[in-house]
C-alpha atoms as a PDB file:
ATOM      1  CA  MET A   1     108.055  78.674 115.872  1.00  0.00           C
ATOM      2  CA  PRO A   2     109.506  79.250 112.374  1.00  0.00           C
ATOM      3  CA  SER A   3     112.557  81.491 112.263  1.00  0.00           C
ATOM      4  CA  ASP A   4     113.344  84.340 109.904  1.00  0.00           C
ATOM      5  CA  SER A   5     116.280  82.345 108.537  1.00  0.00           C
ATOM      6  CA  ASN A   6     113.875  80.001 106.777  1.00  0.00           C
ATOM      7  CA  TYR A   7     112.711  82.726 104.432  1.00  0.00           C
ATOM      8  CA  HIS A   8     114.256  83.406 101.053  1.00  0.00           C
ATOM      9  CA  SER A   9     112.784  85.783  98.506  1.00  0.00           C
ATOM     10  CA  THR A  10     111.536  84.096  95.347  1.00  0.00           C
ATOM     11  CA  ALA A  11     111.137  87.304  93.369  1.00  0.00           C
ATOM     12  CA  ASN A  12     114.061  86.373  91.115  1.00  0.00           C
ATOM     13  CA  ALA A  13     113.385  82.646  90.877  1.00  0.00           C
ATOM     14  CA  PRO A  14     114.206  81.326  87.385  1.00  0.00           C
ATOM     15  CA  ASP A  15     111.313  80.627  85.084  1.00  0.00           C
ATOM     16  CA  ASP A  16     112.691  77.176  84.242  1.00  0.00           C
ATOM     17  CA  ASN A  17     111.527  75.982  87.676  1.00  0.00           C
ATOM     18  CA  LEU A  18     107.912  76.430  86.621  1.00  0.00           C
ATOM     19  CA  GLU A  19     105.774  73.488  85.663  1.00  0.00           C
ATOM     20  CA  PRO A  20     105.685  73.226  81.849  1.00  0.00           C
ATOM     21  CA  SER A  21     102.269  74.094  80.454  1.00  0.00           C
ATOM     22  CA  THR A  22     100.917  74.476  76.945  1.00  0.00           C
ATOM     23  CA  GLN A  23      97.256  74.893  77.795  1.00  0.00           C
ATOM     24  CA  VAL A  24      95.377  78.164  77.519  1.00  0.00           C
ATOM     25  CA  ILE A  25      95.180  79.873  80.917  1.00  0.00           C
ATOM     26  CA  ARG A  26      91.593  80.297  82.040  1.00  0.00           C
ATOM     27  CA  SER A  27      92.210  81.475  85.599  1.00  0.00           C
ATOM     28  CA  LYS A  28      91.458  84.974  86.717  1.00  0.00           C
ATOM     29  CA  PRO A  29      94.263  86.836  88.495  1.00  0.00           C
ATOM     30  CA  PRO A  30      94.168  87.004  92.308  1.00  0.00           C
ATOM     31  CA  ARG A  31      91.764  89.715  93.452  1.00  0.00           C
ATOM     32  CA  LEU A  32      92.432  92.291  96.166  1.00  0.00           C
ATOM     33  CA  ILE A  33      89.531  91.993  98.636  1.00  0.00           C
ATOM     34  CA  LEU A  34      90.979  93.907 101.614  1.00  0.00           C
ATOM     35  CA  GLU A  35      94.163  95.897 102.017  1.00  0.00           C
ATOM     36  CA  GLY A  36      96.971  93.347 102.077  1.00  0.00           C
ATOM     37  CA  LEU A  37      94.677  90.413 101.247  1.00  0.00           C
ATOM     38  CA  TYR A  38      94.090  88.681  97.916  1.00  0.00           C
ATOM     39  CA  ALA A  39      91.676  85.886  96.997  1.00  0.00           C
ATOM     40  CA  PHE A  40      92.400  83.387  94.225  1.00  0.00           C
ATOM     41  CA  ALA A  41      89.829  81.992  91.833  1.00  0.00           C
ATOM     42  CA  PRO A  42      88.353  78.641  92.986  1.00  0.00           C
ATOM     43  CA  ASN A  43      90.643  75.702  92.263  1.00  0.00           C
ATOM     44  CA  ARG A  44      89.007  72.814  90.406  1.00  0.00           C
ATOM     45  CA  GLU A  45      91.655  70.394  91.640  1.00  0.00           C
ATOM     46  CA  THR A  46      90.600  71.018  95.253  1.00  0.00           C
ATOM     47  CA  LEU A  47      86.882  70.840  94.405  1.00  0.00           C
ATOM     48  CA  GLY A  48      86.383  74.573  94.150  1.00  0.00           C
ATOM     49  CA  GLY A  49      88.598  75.484  97.084  1.00  0.00           C
ATOM     50  CA  THR A  50      89.465  79.165  97.517  1.00  0.00           C
ATOM     51  CA  SER A  51      92.998  80.153  98.496  1.00  0.00           C
ATOM     52  CA  TYR A  52      94.130  83.459  99.975  1.00  0.00           C
ATOM     53  CA  PHE A  53      97.349  85.463 100.012  1.00  0.00           C
ATOM     54  CA  ILE A  54      98.301  87.728 102.928  1.00  0.00           C
ATOM     55  CA  VAL A  55     100.903  90.456 102.454  1.00  0.00           C
ATOM     56  CA  GLU A  56     102.979  91.017 105.607  1.00  0.00           C
ATOM     57  CA  ASN A  57     106.296  92.765 106.232  1.00  0.00           C
ATOM     58  CA  THR A  58     107.577  89.751 108.166  1.00  0.00           C
ATOM     59  CA  GLY A  59     106.771  87.368 105.310  1.00  0.00           C
ATOM     60  CA  ASN A  60     103.802  86.698 103.063  1.00  0.00           C
ATOM     61  CA  ILE A  61     101.368  83.891 103.819  1.00  0.00           C
ATOM     62  CA  LEU A  62      99.524  81.641 101.376  1.00  0.00           C
ATOM     63  CA  ILE A  63      96.396  79.945 102.708  1.00  0.00           C
ATOM     64  CA  ASP A  64      95.767  76.612 100.927  1.00  0.00           C
ATOM     65  CA  CYS A  65      96.799  75.757  97.378  1.00  0.00           C
ATOM     66  CA  PRO A  66      95.558  77.816  94.434  1.00  0.00           C
ATOM     67  CA  ALA A  67      95.509  76.391  90.919  1.00  0.00           C
ATOM     68  CA  TRP A  68      99.133  76.020  89.839  1.00  0.00           C
ATOM     69  CA  GLU A  69      98.778  77.925  86.581  1.00  0.00           C
ATOM     70  CA  ASN A  70     100.991  80.592  85.045  1.00  0.00           C
ATOM     71  CA  ILE A  71      98.996  83.579  86.249  1.00  0.00           C
ATOM     72  CA  ASN A  72      99.124  82.359  89.868  1.00  0.00           C
ATOM     73  CA  GLN A  73     102.712  81.137  89.609  1.00  0.00           C
ATOM     74  CA  GLN A  74     103.960  84.529  88.474  1.00  0.00           C
ATOM     75  CA  PHE A  75     101.935  86.373  91.121  1.00  0.00           C
ATOM     76  CA  LEU A  76     103.379  84.224  93.919  1.00  0.00           C
ATOM     77  CA  ILE A  77     106.942  84.327  92.596  1.00  0.00           C
ATOM     78  CA  ASN A  78     106.830  88.098  92.200  1.00  0.00           C
ATOM     79  CA  HIS A  79     105.496  88.659  95.721  1.00  0.00           C
ATOM     80  CA  GLY A  80     107.349  85.852  97.514  1.00  0.00           C
ATOM     81  CA  VAL A  81     105.839  83.376  99.988  1.00  0.00           C
ATOM     82  CA  ARG A  82     107.258  82.631 103.419  1.00  0.00           C
ATOM     83  CA  TRP A  83     104.559  80.289 104.739  1.00  0.00           C
ATOM     84  CA  LEU A  84     101.960  78.060 103.117  1.00  0.00           C
ATOM     85  CA  PHE A  85      99.296  77.216 105.692  1.00  0.00           C
ATOM     86  CA  LEU A  86      97.005  74.274 104.884  1.00  0.00           C
ATOM     87  CA  THR A  87      93.616  74.432 106.600  1.00  0.00           C
ATOM     88  CA  HIS A  88      92.675  70.810 105.850  1.00  0.00           C
ATOM     89  CA  ARG A  89      93.504  67.862 103.622  1.00  0.00           C
ATOM     90  CA  GLY A  90      91.155  69.156 100.926  1.00  0.00           C
ATOM     91  CA  GLY A  91      93.326  72.243 100.510  1.00  0.00           C
ATOM     92  CA  ILE A  92      96.301  70.157  99.369  1.00  0.00           C
ATOM     93  CA  SER A  93      97.161  70.265  95.682  1.00  0.00           C
ATOM     94  CA  LYS A  94      98.903  67.457  93.808  1.00  0.00           C
ATOM     95  CA  GLN A  95     101.367  70.160  92.799  1.00  0.00           C
ATOM     96  CA  LEU A  96     102.281  70.999  96.412  1.00  0.00           C
ATOM     97  CA  LYS A  97     105.804  69.563  96.306  1.00  0.00           C
ATOM     98  CA  LEU A  98     106.588  71.486  93.119  1.00  0.00           C
ATOM     99  CA  MET A  99     104.936  74.587  94.536  1.00  0.00           C
ATOM    100  CA  GLN A 100     107.100  74.463  97.646  1.00  0.00           C
ATOM    101  CA  SER A 101     110.230  73.923  95.570  1.00  0.00           C
ATOM    102  CA  VAL A 102     109.525  76.908  93.319  1.00  0.00           C
ATOM    103  CA  LEU A 103     108.394  79.252  96.103  1.00  0.00           C
ATOM    104  CA  ASN A 104     110.900  78.048  98.722  1.00  0.00           C
ATOM    105  CA  CYS A 105     108.252  78.368 101.429  1.00  0.00           C
ATOM    106  CA  GLU A 106     107.560  76.603 104.709  1.00  0.00           C
ATOM    107  CA  VAL A 107     104.505  74.332 104.658  1.00  0.00           C
ATOM    108  CA  ILE A 108     102.428  74.249 107.856  1.00  0.00           C
ATOM    109  CA  ILE A 109      99.705  71.704 108.612  1.00  0.00           C
ATOM    110  CA  GLN A 110      98.034  70.239 111.718  1.00  0.00           C
ATOM    111  CA  GLU A 111      99.818  67.062 112.808  1.00  0.00           C
ATOM    112  CA  GLN A 112      96.908  64.669 112.200  1.00  0.00           C
ATOM    113  CA  GLU A 113      97.109  65.340 108.467  1.00  0.00           C
ATOM    114  CA  ALA A 114     100.882  65.741 108.163  1.00  0.00           C
ATOM    115  CA  TYR A 115     101.191  62.037 107.272  1.00  0.00           C
ATOM    116  CA  LEU A 116      99.510  62.802 103.939  1.00  0.00           C
ATOM    117  CA  LEU A 117     102.670  64.632 102.844  1.00  0.00           C
ATOM    118  CA  PRO A 118     105.536  62.192 103.492  1.00  0.00           C
ATOM    119  CA  GLU A 119     107.758  63.685 100.770  1.00  0.00           C
ATOM    120  CA  VAL A 120     107.169  67.334 101.646  1.00  0.00           C
ATOM    121  CA  PRO A 121     109.323  69.059 104.306  1.00  0.00           C
ATOM    122  CA  LEU A 122     106.868  70.706 106.672  1.00  0.00           C
ATOM    123  CA  THR A 123     106.102  72.061 110.112  1.00  0.00           C
ATOM    124  CA  SER A 124     103.238  70.431 112.002  1.00  0.00           C
ATOM    125  CA  PHE A 125     101.454  71.623 115.124  1.00  0.00           C
ATOM    126  CA  VAL A 126      99.087  70.186 117.724  1.00  0.00           C
ATOM    127  CA  GLN A 127      96.706  72.774 119.191  1.00  0.00           C
ATOM    128  CA  GLU A 128      98.068  76.070 117.909  1.00  0.00           C
ATOM    129  CA  ILE A 129     101.004  77.583 116.051  1.00  0.00           C
ATOM    130  CA  LEU A 130     102.143  81.206 116.327  1.00  0.00           C
ATOM    131  CA  LEU A 131     103.903  83.015 113.504  1.00  0.00           C
ATOM    132  CA  ASN A 132     105.876  86.068 114.677  1.00  0.00           C
ATOM    133  CA  SER A 133     103.370  86.574 117.540  1.00  0.00           C
ATOM    134  CA  HIS A 134     100.983  88.368 115.186  1.00  0.00           C
ATOM    135  CA  TYR A 135      98.987  85.584 113.539  1.00  0.00           C
ATOM    136  CA  CYS A 136      98.293  81.969 114.318  1.00  0.00           C
ATOM    137  CA  GLY A 137      96.870  78.660 113.198  1.00  0.00           C
ATOM    138  CA  VAL A 138      94.293  76.972 115.444  1.00  0.00           C
ATOM    139  CA  TRP A 139      93.231  73.315 115.375  1.00  0.00           C
ATOM    140  CA  THR A 140      89.467  73.040 114.754  1.00  0.00           C
ATOM    141  CA  PRO A 141      88.782  69.317 114.199  1.00  0.00           C
ATOM    142  CA  GLY A 142      85.509  68.014 112.845  1.00  0.00           C
ATOM    143  CA  HIS A 143      85.327  68.606 109.129  1.00  0.00           C
ATOM    144  CA  SER A 144      88.495  66.507 108.957  1.00  0.00           C
ATOM    145  CA  PRO A 145      90.788  65.212 111.727  1.00  0.00           C
ATOM    146  CA  GLY A 146      93.326  67.985 111.175  1.00  0.00           C
ATOM    147  CA  SER A 147      91.021  70.802 110.107  1.00  0.00           C
ATOM    148  CA  SER A 148      92.326  74.159 111.283  1.00  0.00           C
ATOM    149  CA  CYS A 149      91.717  77.883 110.903  1.00  0.00           C
ATOM    150  CA  PHE A 150      94.179  80.723 110.441  1.00  0.00           C
ATOM    151  CA  TYR A 151      93.790  84.042 112.245  1.00  0.00           C
ATOM    152  CA  TRP A 152      95.125  87.366 110.955  1.00  0.00           C
ATOM    153  CA  PRO A 153      94.597  90.331 113.335  1.00  0.00           C
ATOM    154  CA  GLN A 154      94.418  93.058 110.665  1.00  0.00           C
ATOM    155  CA  HIS A 155      91.126  94.813 109.785  1.00  0.00           C
ATOM    156  CA  GLY A 156      89.644  94.021 113.183  1.00  0.00           C
ATOM    157  CA  GLY A 157      90.477  90.323 112.837  1.00  0.00           C
ATOM    158  CA  VAL A 158      90.188  87.982 109.850  1.00  0.00           C
ATOM    159  CA  LEU A 159      89.597  84.241 110.223  1.00  0.00           C
ATOM    160  CA  PHE A 160      90.425  81.928 107.324  1.00  0.00           C
ATOM    161  CA  SER A 161      88.139  79.002 108.028  1.00  0.00           C
ATOM    162  CA  GLY A 162      88.928  76.469 105.311  1.00  0.00           C
ATOM    163  CA  ARG A 163      85.886  74.198 105.159  1.00  0.00           C
ATOM    164  CA  HIS A 164      85.259  74.371 108.908  1.00  0.00           C
ATOM    165  CA  LEU A 165      82.830  77.264 108.374  1.00  0.00           C
ATOM    166  CA  LEU A 166      81.302  77.985 104.967  1.00  0.00           C
ATOM    167  CA  PRO A 167      78.721  80.447 103.652  1.00  0.00           C
ATOM    168  CA  ASN A 168      75.217  79.121 103.093  1.00  0.00           C
ATOM    169  CA  GLN A 169      73.043  80.370 100.241  1.00  0.00           C
ATOM    170  CA  GLN A 170      72.340  83.566 102.214  1.00  0.00           C
ATOM    171  CA  GLY A 171      76.074  84.191 102.649  1.00  0.00           C
ATOM    172  CA  GLN A 172      75.965  83.405 106.381  1.00  0.00           C
ATOM    173  CA  PRO A 173      78.818  81.397 107.969  1.00  0.00           C
ATOM    174  CA  VAL A 174      77.734  77.945 109.108  1.00  0.00           C
ATOM    175  CA  PRO A 175      79.283  74.552 109.762  1.00  0.00           C
ATOM    176  CA  LEU A 176      78.031  72.224 107.038  1.00  0.00           C
ATOM    177  CA  ARG A 177      77.494  68.531 107.619  1.00  0.00           C
ATOM    178  CA  THR A 178      78.548  66.785 104.410  1.00  0.00           C
ATOM    179  CA  ALA A 179      79.067  63.178 103.392  1.00  0.00           C
ATOM    180  CA  LYS A 180      82.803  63.702 103.991  1.00  0.00           C
ATOM    181  CA  THR A 181      82.494  65.203 107.486  1.00  0.00           C
ATOM    182  CA  PHE A 182      84.850  63.364 109.839  1.00  0.00           C
ATOM    183  CA  HIS A 183      83.007  64.017 113.135  1.00  0.00           C
ATOM    184  CA  TRP A 184      80.020  66.361 113.178  1.00  0.00           C
ATOM    185  CA  TRP A 185      79.706  66.891 116.929  1.00  0.00           C
ATOM    186  CA  ARG A 186      83.438  67.631 117.222  1.00  0.00           C
ATOM    187  CA  GLN A 187      83.044  70.190 114.463  1.00  0.00           C
ATOM    188  CA  LEU A 188      80.302  71.933 116.419  1.00  0.00           C
ATOM    189  CA  LYS A 189      82.482  71.848 119.530  1.00  0.00           C
ATOM    190  CA  SER A 190      85.247  73.520 117.519  1.00  0.00           C
ATOM    191  CA  VAL A 191      82.820  76.259 116.445  1.00  0.00           C
ATOM    192  CA  ALA A 192      81.938  76.842 120.102  1.00  0.00           C
ATOM    193  CA  ALA A 193      85.650  77.089 120.937  1.00  0.00           C
ATOM    194  CA  LEU A 194      86.098  79.800 118.300  1.00  0.00           C
ATOM    195  CA  ARG A 195      83.201  81.772 119.778  1.00  0.00           C
ATOM    196  CA  ASP A 196      84.825  81.528 123.202  1.00  0.00           C
ATOM    197  CA  ARG A 197      88.210  82.555 121.851  1.00  0.00           C
ATOM    198  CA  PHE A 198      87.148  85.663 119.931  1.00  0.00           C
ATOM    199  CA  SER A 199      84.908  88.683 120.466  1.00  0.00           C
ATOM    200  CA  PRO A 200      83.249  91.366 118.300  1.00  0.00           C
ATOM    201  CA  GLU A 201      86.441  93.410 118.749  1.00  0.00           C
ATOM    202  CA  THR A 202      88.794  90.650 117.572  1.00  0.00           C
ATOM    203  CA  LEU A 203      86.828  88.951 114.781  1.00  0.00           C
ATOM    204  CA  ASN A 204      85.427  91.150 112.046  1.00  0.00           C
ATOM    205  CA  TYR A 205      85.790  89.136 108.830  1.00  0.00           C
ATOM    206  CA  LEU A 206      85.645  85.488 107.848  1.00  0.00           C
ATOM    207  CA  CYS A 207      87.201  84.168 104.627  1.00  0.00           C
ATOM    208  CA  PRO A 208      85.862  80.688 103.807  1.00  0.00           C
ATOM    209  CA  GLY A 209      87.751  78.047 101.856  1.00  0.00           C
ATOM    210  CA  ALA A 210      84.858  77.170  99.517  1.00  0.00           C
ATOM    211  CA  ASN A 211      81.307  78.157  98.531  1.00  0.00           C
ATOM    212  CA  THR A 212      82.578  81.676  97.824  1.00  0.00           C
ATOM    213  CA  GLY A 213      80.042  82.087  95.024  1.00  0.00           C
ATOM    214  CA  PHE A 214      77.454  82.605  97.773  1.00  0.00           C
ATOM    215  CA  LEU A 215      79.308  85.778  98.844  1.00  0.00           C
ATOM    216  CA  ARG A 216      78.018  87.607  95.756  1.00  0.00           C
ATOM    217  CA  GLY A 217      81.412  89.009  94.809  1.00  0.00           C
ATOM    218  CA  LYS A 218      82.383  90.365  98.237  1.00  0.00           C
ATOM    219  CA  GLY A 219      85.092  87.808  98.911  1.00  0.00           C
ATOM    220  CA  PHE A 220      84.498  87.764 102.683  1.00  0.00           C
ATOM    221  CA  ILE A 221      81.812  87.607 105.371  1.00  0.00           C
ATOM    222  CA  GLU A 222      81.393  90.752 107.465  1.00  0.00           C
ATOM    223  CA  GLN A 223      80.447  90.980 111.165  1.00  0.00           C
ATOM    224  CA  ALA A 224      81.781  87.455 111.502  1.00  0.00           C
ATOM    225  CA  TYR A 225      81.646  87.173 115.283  1.00  0.00           C
ATOM    226  CA  HIS A 226      78.099  88.493 115.468  1.00  0.00           C
ATOM    227  CA  GLN A 227      77.009  85.915 112.897  1.00  0.00           C
ATOM    228  CA  LEU A 228      78.736  83.076 114.742  1.00  0.00           C
ATOM    229  CA  GLU A 229      76.920  84.145 117.910  1.00  0.00           C
ATOM    230  CA  GLN A 230      73.600  83.586 116.144  1.00  0.00           C
ATOM    231  CA  LEU A 231      74.300  79.903 115.446  1.00  0.00           C
ATOM    232  CA  ASN A 232      72.189  77.450 117.443  1.00  0.00           C
ATOM    233  CA  LEU A 233      74.767  74.710 117.888  1.00  0.00           C
ATOM    234  CA  GLU A 234      72.424  72.453 119.850  1.00  0.00           C
ATOM    235  CA  GLN A 235      69.890  72.520 117.044  1.00  0.00           C
ATOM    236  CA  LEU A 236      72.635  71.948 114.477  1.00  0.00           C
ATOM    237  CA  ARG A 237      73.456  68.603 116.098  1.00  0.00           C
ATOM    238  CA  GLN A 238      70.481  67.173 114.211  1.00  0.00           C
ATOM    239  CA  ALA A 239      71.331  68.860 110.902  1.00  0.00           C
ATOM    240  CA  PRO A 240      70.921  66.671 107.801  1.00  0.00           C
ATOM    241  CA  ILE A 241      73.792  65.991 105.429  1.00  0.00           C
ATOM    242  CA  PHE A 242      74.263  68.935 103.085  1.00  0.00           C
ATOM    243  CA  GLU A 243      75.173  68.505  99.430  1.00  0.00           C
ATOM    244  CA  LEU A 244      78.223  70.746  99.134  1.00  0.00           C
ATOM    245  CA  PHE A 245      78.482  73.155  96.227  1.00  0.00           C
ATOM    246  CA  SER A 246      81.685  74.999  95.359  1.00  0.00           C
END
């Protein structure tokens, strides 16, 4: 379990550590979607992946890599980041090593995808990792070998699902079988494990790692557990390959 000694504030980090950039910034600033929770604009480098930022007294948490542009750099430096949790290999930016150096944060990833980051100091986990006993990362293989979700207990429970669960065109959370899916039946088994783990009292919101345009500006999926209960996992075994949109 990471210790408090690993955390150093980056609020006064020097600007000369930032990646040089002369291009016009097109990103939108991170958007507050719930108290203590921000969503970043989709990152083109990660194929439209959406990153999130959790504000916590014990240390702020970044979920996946946002675009490493000035507006995001300054936001993260000003707030400080203690942990960067990667939900899957697709959430890794080419700028990750620089990002970690500037933010002085601890990178966390499931062990089956840790090998992708040989030059990045990190913490890996097998089944589950607890951070300060309040929030945790959970291995949910299927979309990729090391796909995982992050759980934050505020607001009745928020699950950051990466690409394990994504909104369909109706904004409902579903596992999507794509051409890049590692193991479809294991992904469905992981969905079933999440349903067994949580309840309507412990899982209220779901924040997906892509397809957020289908949320019509909300930034999250409400009544998350109830919607997961409605999934017919047996029928989904025969689901066709879905062309993923970001």
